[in-house]
Amino acid sequence: MLARRRGATVTLLDEGGIDDLEDSELDRVLGKLAEALRGTAADKVIARTVPEGSDVAITVVGLRSSDDGSASLLGHDSLEDDEVELWLEIPRTVG
């Protein structure tokens, strides 16, 4: 919610990848996700739970626009101008 309040677009793609985690592991994974969201200055954040069978529980990507906003005013998509500000893979278990 804090990232959204500062103007970031936050998207969660839930593929059920954390549904099978024990409570303690789920708390750890969600805590890492919250820490990443608090620590990023990205304009767009996408968090995706990874399907069961992977060593990764959640992948987080944060993008910062290097565009001044004029491309969107002209109807152009500026994704190609975005810079990766955050890339994080949160492991399913502590190993």
PDB file of N, CA and C in Angstrom:
ATOM      1  N   MET A   1       0.814  -1.192   0.000  1.00  0.00           N
ATOM      2  CA  MET A   1       0.000   0.000   0.000  1.00  0.00           C
ATOM      3  C   MET A   1       0.868   1.272   0.000  1.00  0.00           C
ATOM      4  N   LEU A   2       1.986   1.230   0.742  1.00  0.00           N
ATOM      5  CA  LEU A   2       2.858   2.408   0.792  1.00  0.00           C
ATOM      6  C   LEU A   2       3.441   2.732  -0.581  1.00  0.00           C
ATOM      7  N   ALA A   3       3.819   1.710  -1.330  1.00  0.00           N
ATOM      8  CA  ALA A   3       4.353   1.945  -2.682  1.00  0.00           C
ATOM      9  C   ALA A   3       3.287   2.580  -3.568  1.00  0.00           C
ATOM     10  N   ARG A   4       2.059   2.110  -3.457  1.00  0.00           N
ATOM     11  CA  ARG A   4       0.966   2.684  -4.248  1.00  0.00           C
ATOM     12  C   ARG A   4       0.694   4.120  -3.831  1.00  0.00           C
ATOM     13  N   ARG A   5       0.770   4.399  -2.555  1.00  0.00           N
ATOM     14  CA  ARG A   5       0.519   5.765  -2.075  1.00  0.00           C
ATOM     15  C   ARG A   5       1.563   6.750  -2.572  1.00  0.00           C
ATOM     16  N   ARG A   6       2.785   6.281  -2.808  1.00  0.00           N
ATOM     17  CA  ARG A   6       3.809   7.181  -3.341  1.00  0.00           C
ATOM     18  C   ARG A   6       3.736   7.273  -4.858  1.00  0.00           C
ATOM     19  N   GLY A   7       2.756   6.590  -5.464  1.00  0.00           N
ATOM     20  CA  GLY A   7       2.516   6.727  -6.898  1.00  0.00           C
ATOM     21  C   GLY A   7       2.964   5.562  -7.752  1.00  0.00           C
ATOM     22  N   ALA A   8       3.519   4.531  -7.148  1.00  0.00           N
ATOM     23  CA  ALA A   8       3.973   3.371  -7.921  1.00  0.00           C
ATOM     24  C   ALA A   8       2.783   2.497  -8.319  1.00  0.00           C
ATOM     25  N   THR A   9       2.910   1.853  -9.456  1.00  0.00           N
ATOM     26  CA  THR A   9       1.943   0.853  -9.887  1.00  0.00           C
ATOM     27  C   THR A   9       2.469  -0.493  -9.424  1.00  0.00           C
ATOM     28  N   VAL A  10       1.683  -1.201  -8.627  1.00  0.00           N
ATOM     29  CA  VAL A  10       2.100  -2.498  -8.092  1.00  0.00           C
ATOM     30  C   VAL A  10       1.157  -3.557  -8.634  1.00  0.00           C
ATOM     31  N   THR A  11       1.742  -4.587  -9.266  1.00  0.00           N
ATOM     32  CA  THR A  11       0.963  -5.667  -9.852  1.00  0.00           C
ATOM     33  C   THR A  11       1.402  -6.985  -9.238  1.00  0.00           C
ATOM     34  N   LEU A  12       0.434  -7.809  -8.834  1.00  0.00           N
ATOM     35  CA  LEU A  12       0.720  -9.132  -8.303  1.00  0.00           C
ATOM     36  C   LEU A  12       0.149 -10.164  -9.252  1.00  0.00           C
ATOM     37  N   LEU A  13       1.005 -11.055  -9.715  1.00  0.00           N
ATOM     38  CA  LEU A  13       0.588 -12.167 -10.558  1.00  0.00           C
ATOM     39  C   LEU A  13       0.697 -13.418  -9.703  1.00  0.00           C
ATOM     40  N   ASP A  14      -0.441 -13.941  -9.262  1.00  0.00           N
ATOM     41  CA  ASP A  14      -0.456 -15.069  -8.342  1.00  0.00           C
ATOM     42  C   ASP A  14      -0.719 -16.360  -9.096  1.00  0.00           C
ATOM     43  N   GLU A  15       0.312 -17.189  -9.182  1.00  0.00           N
ATOM     44  CA  GLU A  15       0.190 -18.481  -9.847  1.00  0.00           C
ATOM     45  C   GLU A  15       0.099 -19.610  -8.827  1.00  0.00           C
ATOM     46  N   GLY A  16      -0.255 -19.252  -7.584  1.00  0.00           N
ATOM     47  CA  GLY A  16      -0.440 -20.266  -6.550  1.00  0.00           C
ATOM     48  C   GLY A  16       0.859 -20.837  -6.014  1.00  0.00           C
ATOM     49  N   GLY A  17       1.961 -20.200  -6.314  1.00  0.00           N
ATOM     50  CA  GLY A  17       3.261 -20.750  -5.958  1.00  0.00           C
ATOM     51  C   GLY A  17       3.608 -20.723  -4.490  1.00  0.00           C
ATOM     52  N   ILE A  18       2.867 -19.967  -3.686  1.00  0.00           N
ATOM     53  CA  ILE A  18       3.192 -19.932  -2.258  1.00  0.00           C
ATOM     54  C   ILE A  18       2.083 -20.554  -1.403  1.00  0.00           C
ATOM     55  N   ASP A  19       1.093 -21.119  -2.056  1.00  0.00           N
ATOM     56  CA  ASP A  19      -0.028 -21.719  -1.329  1.00  0.00           C
ATOM     57  C   ASP A  19       0.400 -22.893  -0.461  1.00  0.00           C
ATOM     58  N   ASP A  20       1.453 -23.598  -0.848  1.00  0.00           N
ATOM     59  CA  ASP A  20       1.882 -24.800  -0.140  1.00  0.00           C
ATOM     60  C   ASP A  20       2.912 -24.541   0.953  1.00  0.00           C
ATOM     61  N   LEU A  21       3.318 -23.309   1.145  1.00  0.00           N
ATOM     62  CA  LEU A  21       4.349 -23.001   2.141  1.00  0.00           C
ATOM     63  C   LEU A  21       3.805 -23.120   3.561  1.00  0.00           C
ATOM     64  N   GLU A  22       4.664 -23.593   4.454  1.00  0.00           N
ATOM     65  CA  GLU A  22       4.342 -23.605   5.886  1.00  0.00           C
ATOM     66  C   GLU A  22       4.229 -22.161   6.365  1.00  0.00           C
ATOM     67  N   ASP A  23       3.521 -21.940   7.447  1.00  0.00           N
ATOM     68  CA  ASP A  23       3.292 -20.584   7.952  1.00  0.00           C
ATOM     69  C   ASP A  23       4.590 -19.811   8.177  1.00  0.00           C
ATOM     70  N   SER A  24       5.598 -20.462   8.760  1.00  0.00           N
ATOM     71  CA  SER A  24       6.858 -19.757   9.039  1.00  0.00           C
ATOM     72  C   SER A  24       7.566 -19.359   7.742  1.00  0.00           C
ATOM     73  N   GLU A  25       7.546 -20.240   6.741  1.00  0.00           N
ATOM     74  CA  GLU A  25       8.166 -19.921   5.449  1.00  0.00           C
ATOM     75  C   GLU A  25       7.375 -18.830   4.726  1.00  0.00           C
ATOM     76  N   LEU A  26       6.057 -18.895   4.795  1.00  0.00           N
ATOM     77  CA  LEU A  26       5.205 -17.871   4.178  1.00  0.00           C
ATOM     78  C   LEU A  26       5.483 -16.510   4.806  1.00  0.00           C
ATOM     79  N   ASP A  27       5.594 -16.466   6.126  1.00  0.00           N
ATOM     80  CA  ASP A  27       5.908 -15.205   6.813  1.00  0.00           C
ATOM     81  C   ASP A  27       7.254 -14.654   6.351  1.00  0.00           C
ATOM     82  N   ARG A  28       8.257 -15.527   6.201  1.00  0.00           N
ATOM     83  CA  ARG A  28       9.581 -15.099   5.755  1.00  0.00           C
ATOM     84  C   ARG A  28       9.528 -14.549   4.333  1.00  0.00           C
ATOM     85  N   VAL A  29       8.839 -15.270   3.439  1.00  0.00           N
ATOM     86  CA  VAL A  29       8.742 -14.862   2.038  1.00  0.00           C
ATOM     87  C   VAL A  29       8.003 -13.532   1.914  1.00  0.00           C
ATOM     88  N   LEU A  30       6.874 -13.408   2.590  1.00  0.00           N
ATOM     89  CA  LEU A  30       6.102 -12.163   2.521  1.00  0.00           C
ATOM     90  C   LEU A  30       6.847 -11.006   3.184  1.00  0.00           C
ATOM     91  N   GLY A  31       7.611 -11.304   4.215  1.00  0.00           N
ATOM     92  CA  GLY A  31       8.436 -10.283   4.858  1.00  0.00           C
ATOM     93  C   GLY A  31       9.499  -9.750   3.906  1.00  0.00           C
ATOM     94  N   LYS A  32      10.131 -10.652   3.148  1.00  0.00           N
ATOM     95  CA  LYS A  32      11.125 -10.241   2.150  1.00  0.00           C
ATOM     96  C   LYS A  32      10.482  -9.398   1.054  1.00  0.00           C
ATOM     97  N   LEU A  33       9.262  -9.782   0.644  1.00  0.00           N
ATOM     98  CA  LEU A  33       8.537  -9.010  -0.368  1.00  0.00           C
ATOM     99  C   LEU A  33       8.233  -7.604   0.158  1.00  0.00           C
ATOM    100  N   ALA A  34       7.738  -7.513   1.379  1.00  0.00           N
ATOM    101  CA  ALA A  34       7.425  -6.206   1.975  1.00  0.00           C
ATOM    102  C   ALA A  34       8.683  -5.351   2.095  1.00  0.00           C
ATOM    103  N   GLU A  35       9.794  -5.969   2.492  1.00  0.00           N
ATOM    104  CA  GLU A  35      11.068  -5.255   2.602  1.00  0.00           C
ATOM    105  C   GLU A  35      11.513  -4.708   1.239  1.00  0.00           C
ATOM    106  N   ALA A  36      11.345  -5.508   0.202  1.00  0.00           N
ATOM    107  CA  ALA A  36      11.718  -5.068  -1.149  1.00  0.00           C
ATOM    108  C   ALA A  36      10.856  -3.902  -1.600  1.00  0.00           C
ATOM    109  N   LEU A  37       9.560  -3.963  -1.316  1.00  0.00           N
ATOM    110  CA  LEU A  37       8.656  -2.883  -1.719  1.00  0.00           C
ATOM    111  C   LEU A  37       8.964  -1.589  -0.965  1.00  0.00           C
ATOM    112  N   ARG A  38       9.310  -1.709   0.309  1.00  0.00           N
ATOM    113  CA  ARG A  38       9.670  -0.517   1.093  1.00  0.00           C
ATOM    114  C   ARG A  38      10.962   0.107   0.601  1.00  0.00           C
ATOM    115  N   GLY A  39      11.882  -0.716   0.104  1.00  0.00           N
ATOM    116  CA  GLY A  39      13.205  -0.229  -0.244  1.00  0.00           C
ATOM    117  C   GLY A  39      13.393   0.206  -1.689  1.00  0.00           C
ATOM    118  N   THR A  40      12.360   0.131  -2.502  1.00  0.00           N
ATOM    119  CA  THR A  40      12.527   0.475  -3.905  1.00  0.00           C
ATOM    120  C   THR A  40      11.931   1.844  -4.230  1.00  0.00           C
ATOM    121  N   ALA A  41      12.524   2.493  -5.206  1.00  0.00           N
ATOM    122  CA  ALA A  41      11.990   3.755  -5.711  1.00  0.00           C
ATOM    123  C   ALA A  41      11.376   3.558  -7.091  1.00  0.00           C
ATOM    124  N   ALA A  42      11.100   2.310  -7.452  1.00  0.00           N
ATOM    125  CA  ALA A  42      10.563   1.987  -8.773  1.00  0.00           C
ATOM    126  C   ALA A  42       9.170   2.591  -8.966  1.00  0.00           C
ATOM    127  N   ASP A  43       8.878   2.940 -10.226  1.00  0.00           N
ATOM    128  CA  ASP A  43       7.558   3.456 -10.584  1.00  0.00           C
ATOM    129  C   ASP A  43       6.557   2.329 -10.805  1.00  0.00           C
ATOM    130  N   LYS A  44       7.073   1.181 -11.241  1.00  0.00           N
ATOM    131  CA  LYS A  44       6.244   0.001 -11.503  1.00  0.00           C
ATOM    132  C   LYS A  44       6.898  -1.190 -10.844  1.00  0.00           C
ATOM    133  N   VAL A  45       6.108  -1.950 -10.094  1.00  0.00           N
ATOM    134  CA  VAL A  45       6.619  -3.145  -9.445  1.00  0.00           C
ATOM    135  C   VAL A  45       5.716  -4.309  -9.821  1.00  0.00           C
ATOM    136  N   ILE A  46       6.341  -5.420 -10.252  1.00  0.00           N
ATOM    137  CA  ILE A  46       5.594  -6.617 -10.589  1.00  0.00           C
ATOM    138  C   ILE A  46       6.134  -7.738  -9.718  1.00  0.00           C
ATOM    139  N   ALA A  47       5.246  -8.334  -8.933  1.00  0.00           N
ATOM    140  CA  ALA A  47       5.603  -9.481  -8.104  1.00  0.00           C
ATOM    141  C   ALA A  47       4.837 -10.682  -8.633  1.00  0.00           C
ATOM    142  N   ARG A  48       5.553 -11.769  -8.868  1.00  0.00           N
ATOM    143  CA  ARG A  48       4.941 -12.969  -9.436  1.00  0.00           C
ATOM    144  C   ARG A  48       5.295 -14.170  -8.584  1.00  0.00           C
ATOM    145  N   THR A  49       4.272 -14.864  -8.089  1.00  0.00           N
ATOM    146  CA  THR A  49       4.548 -16.105  -7.386  1.00  0.00           C
ATOM    147  C   THR A  49       4.896 -17.156  -8.426  1.00  0.00           C
ATOM    148  N   VAL A  50       5.905 -17.939  -8.116  1.00  0.00           N
ATOM    149  CA  VAL A  50       6.403 -18.941  -9.053  1.00  0.00           C
ATOM    150  C   VAL A  50       5.719 -20.270  -8.741  1.00  0.00           C
ATOM    151  N   PRO A  51       5.255 -20.980  -9.775  1.00  0.00           N
ATOM    152  CA  PRO A  51       4.562 -22.254  -9.538  1.00  0.00           C
ATOM    153  C   PRO A  51       5.407 -23.242  -8.732  1.00  0.00           C
ATOM    154  N   GLU A  52       4.734 -24.086  -7.996  1.00  0.00           N
ATOM    155  CA  GLU A  52       5.373 -25.116  -7.185  1.00  0.00           C
ATOM    156  C   GLU A  52       6.364 -25.924  -8.028  1.00  0.00           C
ATOM    157  N   GLY A  53       7.451 -26.334  -7.417  1.00  0.00           N
ATOM    158  CA  GLY A  53       8.470 -27.094  -8.127  1.00  0.00           C
ATOM    159  C   GLY A  53       9.722 -26.287  -8.371  1.00  0.00           C
ATOM    160  N   SER A  54       9.650 -24.989  -8.152  1.00  0.00           N
ATOM    161  CA  SER A  54      10.802 -24.108  -8.332  1.00  0.00           C
ATOM    162  C   SER A  54      11.440 -23.823  -6.979  1.00  0.00           C
ATOM    163  N   ASP A  55      12.719 -23.502  -6.969  1.00  0.00           N
ATOM    164  CA  ASP A  55      13.388 -23.086  -5.741  1.00  0.00           C
ATOM    165  C   ASP A  55      13.015 -21.665  -5.344  1.00  0.00           C
ATOM    166  N   VAL A  56      12.418 -20.924  -6.274  1.00  0.00           N
ATOM    167  CA  VAL A  56      12.028 -19.535  -6.055  1.00  0.00           C
ATOM    168  C   VAL A  56      10.538 -19.477  -5.727  1.00  0.00           C
ATOM    169  N   ALA A  57      10.183 -18.695  -4.707  1.00  0.00           N
ATOM    170  CA  ALA A  57       8.778 -18.529  -4.335  1.00  0.00           C
ATOM    171  C   ALA A  57       8.161 -17.334  -5.056  1.00  0.00           C
ATOM    172  N   ILE A  58       8.876 -16.205  -5.067  1.00  0.00           N
ATOM    173  CA  ILE A  58       8.363 -14.976  -5.676  1.00  0.00           C
ATOM    174  C   ILE A  58       9.494 -14.282  -6.426  1.00  0.00           C
ATOM    175  N   THR A  59       9.192 -13.815  -7.620  1.00  0.00           N
ATOM    176  CA  THR A  59      10.105 -12.980  -8.389  1.00  0.00           C
ATOM    177  C   THR A  59       9.551 -11.560  -8.359  1.00  0.00           C
ATOM    178  N   VAL A  60      10.412 -10.600  -8.074  1.00  0.00           N
ATOM    179  CA  VAL A  60      10.005  -9.203  -7.992  1.00  0.00           C
ATOM    180  C   VAL A  60      10.844  -8.388  -8.973  1.00  0.00           C
ATOM    181  N   VAL A  61      10.173  -7.605  -9.810  1.00  0.00           N
ATOM    182  CA  VAL A  61      10.852  -6.715 -10.746  1.00  0.00           C
ATOM    183  C   VAL A  61      10.323  -5.303 -10.521  1.00  0.00           C
ATOM    184  N   GLY A  62      11.227  -4.371 -10.359  1.00  0.00           N
ATOM    185  CA  GLY A  62      10.859  -2.967 -10.218  1.00  0.00           C
ATOM    186  C   GLY A  62      11.433  -2.184 -11.375  1.00  0.00           C
ATOM    187  N   LEU A  63      10.604  -1.387 -12.011  1.00  0.00           N
ATOM    188  CA  LEU A  63      11.017  -0.589 -13.164  1.00  0.00           C
ATOM    189  C   LEU A  63      10.890   0.891 -12.843  1.00  0.00           C
ATOM    190  N   ARG A  64      11.868   1.642 -13.283  1.00  0.00           N
ATOM    191  CA  ARG A  64      11.827   3.090 -13.125  1.00  0.00           C
ATOM    192  C   ARG A  64      11.798   3.704 -14.519  1.00  0.00           C
ATOM    193  N   SER A  65      10.868   4.577 -14.743  1.00  0.00           N
ATOM    194  CA  SER A  65      10.735   5.214 -16.044  1.00  0.00           C
ATOM    195  C   SER A  65      11.835   6.237 -16.239  1.00  0.00           C
ATOM    196  N   SER A  66      12.504   6.122 -17.379  1.00  0.00           N
ATOM    197  CA  SER A  66      13.505   7.134 -17.712  1.00  0.00           C
ATOM    198  C   SER A  66      12.904   8.182 -18.640  1.00  0.00           C
ATOM    199  N   ASP A  67      11.603   8.059 -18.885  1.00  0.00           N
ATOM    200  CA  ASP A  67      10.858   8.968 -19.752  1.00  0.00           C
ATOM    201  C   ASP A  67      10.334  10.125 -18.905  1.00  0.00           C
ATOM    202  N   ASP A  68      10.219  11.271 -19.487  1.00  0.00           N
ATOM    203  CA  ASP A  68       9.695  12.434 -18.777  1.00  0.00           C
ATOM    204  C   ASP A  68       8.167  12.499 -18.808  1.00  0.00           C
ATOM    205  N   GLY A  69       7.527  11.471 -19.389  1.00  0.00           N
ATOM    206  CA  GLY A  69       6.077  11.439 -19.468  1.00  0.00           C
ATOM    207  C   GLY A  69       5.535  11.866 -20.803  1.00  0.00           C
ATOM    208  N   SER A  70       6.352  12.455 -21.652  1.00  0.00           N
ATOM    209  CA  SER A  70       5.873  12.954 -22.934  1.00  0.00           C
ATOM    210  C   SER A  70       5.487  11.830 -23.881  1.00  0.00           C
ATOM    211  N   ALA A  71       6.135  10.666 -23.785  1.00  0.00           N
ATOM    212  CA  ALA A  71       5.807   9.549 -24.677  1.00  0.00           C
ATOM    213  C   ALA A  71       4.374   9.084 -24.442  1.00  0.00           C
ATOM    214  N   SER A  72       3.957   8.987 -23.182  1.00  0.00           N
ATOM    215  CA  SER A  72       2.592   8.536 -22.911  1.00  0.00           C
ATOM    216  C   SER A  72       1.574   9.589 -23.332  1.00  0.00           C
ATOM    217  N   LEU A  73       1.934  10.864 -23.243  1.00  0.00           N
ATOM    218  CA  LEU A  73       1.033  11.913 -23.699  1.00  0.00           C
ATOM    219  C   LEU A  73       0.813  11.844 -25.202  1.00  0.00           C
ATOM    220  N   LEU A  74       1.808  11.344 -25.912  1.00  0.00           N
ATOM    221  CA  LEU A  74       1.710  11.215 -27.361  1.00  0.00           C
ATOM    222  C   LEU A  74       1.137   9.871 -27.785  1.00  0.00           C
ATOM    223  N   GLY A  75       0.772   9.049 -26.810  1.00  0.00           N
ATOM    224  CA  GLY A  75       0.177   7.752 -27.124  1.00  0.00           C
ATOM    225  C   GLY A  75       1.185   6.654 -27.370  1.00  0.00           C
ATOM    226  N   HIS A  76       2.423   6.862 -26.995  1.00  0.00           N
ATOM    227  CA  HIS A  76       3.450   5.847 -27.172  1.00  0.00           C
ATOM    228  C   HIS A  76       3.684   5.111 -25.863  1.00  0.00           C
ATOM    229  N   ASP A  77       3.949   3.820 -25.981  1.00  0.00           N
ATOM    230  CA  ASP A  77       4.276   3.019 -24.811  1.00  0.00           C
ATOM    231  C   ASP A  77       5.749   3.220 -24.487  1.00  0.00           C
ATOM    232  N   SER A  78       6.044   3.545 -23.238  1.00  0.00           N
ATOM    233  CA  SER A  78       7.424   3.860 -22.883  1.00  0.00           C
ATOM    234  C   SER A  78       8.129   2.713 -22.172  1.00  0.00           C
ATOM    235  N   LEU A  79       7.585   1.487 -22.216  1.00  0.00           N
ATOM    236  CA  LEU A  79       8.218   0.370 -21.518  1.00  0.00           C
ATOM    237  C   LEU A  79       9.652   0.154 -21.954  1.00  0.00           C
ATOM    238  N   GLU A  80       9.947   0.381 -23.217  1.00  0.00           N
ATOM    239  CA  GLU A  80      11.307   0.159 -23.684  1.00  0.00           C
ATOM    240  C   GLU A  80      12.286   1.155 -23.074  1.00  0.00           C
ATOM    241  N   ASP A  81      11.789   2.247 -22.531  1.00  0.00           N
ATOM    242  CA  ASP A  81      12.633   3.249 -21.897  1.00  0.00           C
ATOM    243  C   ASP A  81      12.799   3.010 -20.397  1.00  0.00           C
ATOM    244  N   ASP A  82      12.082   2.022 -19.860  1.00  0.00           N
ATOM    245  CA  ASP A  82      12.158   1.750 -18.430  1.00  0.00           C
ATOM    246  C   ASP A  82      13.488   1.092 -18.071  1.00  0.00           C
ATOM    247  N   GLU A  83      13.985   1.435 -16.897  1.00  0.00           N
ATOM    248  CA  GLU A  83      15.214   0.849 -16.371  1.00  0.00           C
ATOM    249  C   GLU A  83      14.846  -0.114 -15.252  1.00  0.00           C
ATOM    250  N   VAL A  84      15.527  -1.238 -15.185  1.00  0.00           N
ATOM    251  CA  VAL A  84      15.316  -2.172 -14.084  1.00  0.00           C
ATOM    252  C   VAL A  84      15.969  -1.577 -12.846  1.00  0.00           C
ATOM    253  N   GLU A  85      15.163  -1.301 -11.852  1.00  0.00           N
ATOM    254  CA  GLU A  85      15.628  -0.710 -10.608  1.00  0.00           C
ATOM    255  C   GLU A  85      15.742  -1.779  -9.528  1.00  0.00           C
ATOM    256  N   LEU A  86      14.974  -2.852  -9.688  1.00  0.00           N
ATOM    257  CA  LEU A  86      14.945  -3.924  -8.694  1.00  0.00           C
ATOM    258  C   LEU A  86      14.739  -5.245  -9.408  1.00  0.00           C
ATOM    259  N   TRP A  87      15.541  -6.230  -9.074  1.00  0.00           N
ATOM    260  CA  TRP A  87      15.347  -7.603  -9.535  1.00  0.00           C
ATOM    261  C   TRP A  87      15.641  -8.483  -8.327  1.00  0.00           C
ATOM    262  N   LEU A  88      14.638  -9.252  -7.913  1.00  0.00           N
ATOM    263  CA  LEU A  88      14.790 -10.054  -6.706  1.00  0.00           C
ATOM    264  C   LEU A  88      14.076 -11.379  -6.891  1.00  0.00           C
ATOM    265  N   GLU A  89      14.754 -12.452  -6.533  1.00  0.00           N
ATOM    266  CA  GLU A  89      14.128 -13.762  -6.469  1.00  0.00           C
ATOM    267  C   GLU A  89      14.144 -14.175  -4.997  1.00  0.00           C
ATOM    268  N   ILE A  90      12.970 -14.361  -4.438  1.00  0.00           N
ATOM    269  CA  ILE A  90      12.847 -14.752  -3.037  1.00  0.00           C
ATOM    270  C   ILE A  90      12.759 -16.276  -2.995  1.00  0.00           C
ATOM    271  N   PRO A  91      13.726 -16.937  -2.339  1.00  0.00           N
ATOM    272  CA  PRO A  91      13.728 -18.397  -2.326  1.00  0.00           C
ATOM    273  C   PRO A  91      12.554 -18.982  -1.555  1.00  0.00           C
ATOM    274  N   ARG A  92      12.126 -20.141  -2.016  1.00  0.00           N
ATOM    275  CA  ARG A  92      11.012 -20.857  -1.386  1.00  0.00           C
ATOM    276  C   ARG A  92      11.376 -21.282   0.033  1.00  0.00           C
ATOM    277  N   THR A  93      12.586 -21.744   0.208  1.00  0.00           N
ATOM    278  CA  THR A  93      13.054 -22.172   1.538  1.00  0.00           C
ATOM    279  C   THR A  93      14.433 -21.596   1.780  1.00  0.00           C
ATOM    280  N   VAL A  94      14.794 -21.509   3.039  1.00  0.00           N
ATOM    281  CA  VAL A  94      16.132 -21.060   3.398  1.00  0.00           C
ATOM    282  C   VAL A  94      17.026 -22.296   3.321  1.00  0.00           C
ATOM    283  N   GLY A  95      18.068 -22.217   2.532  1.00  0.00           N
ATOM    284  CA  GLY A  95      18.904 -23.400   2.329  1.00  0.00           C
ATOM    285  C   GLY A  95      20.245 -23.196   2.787  1.00  0.00           C
TER     286      GLY A  95
END
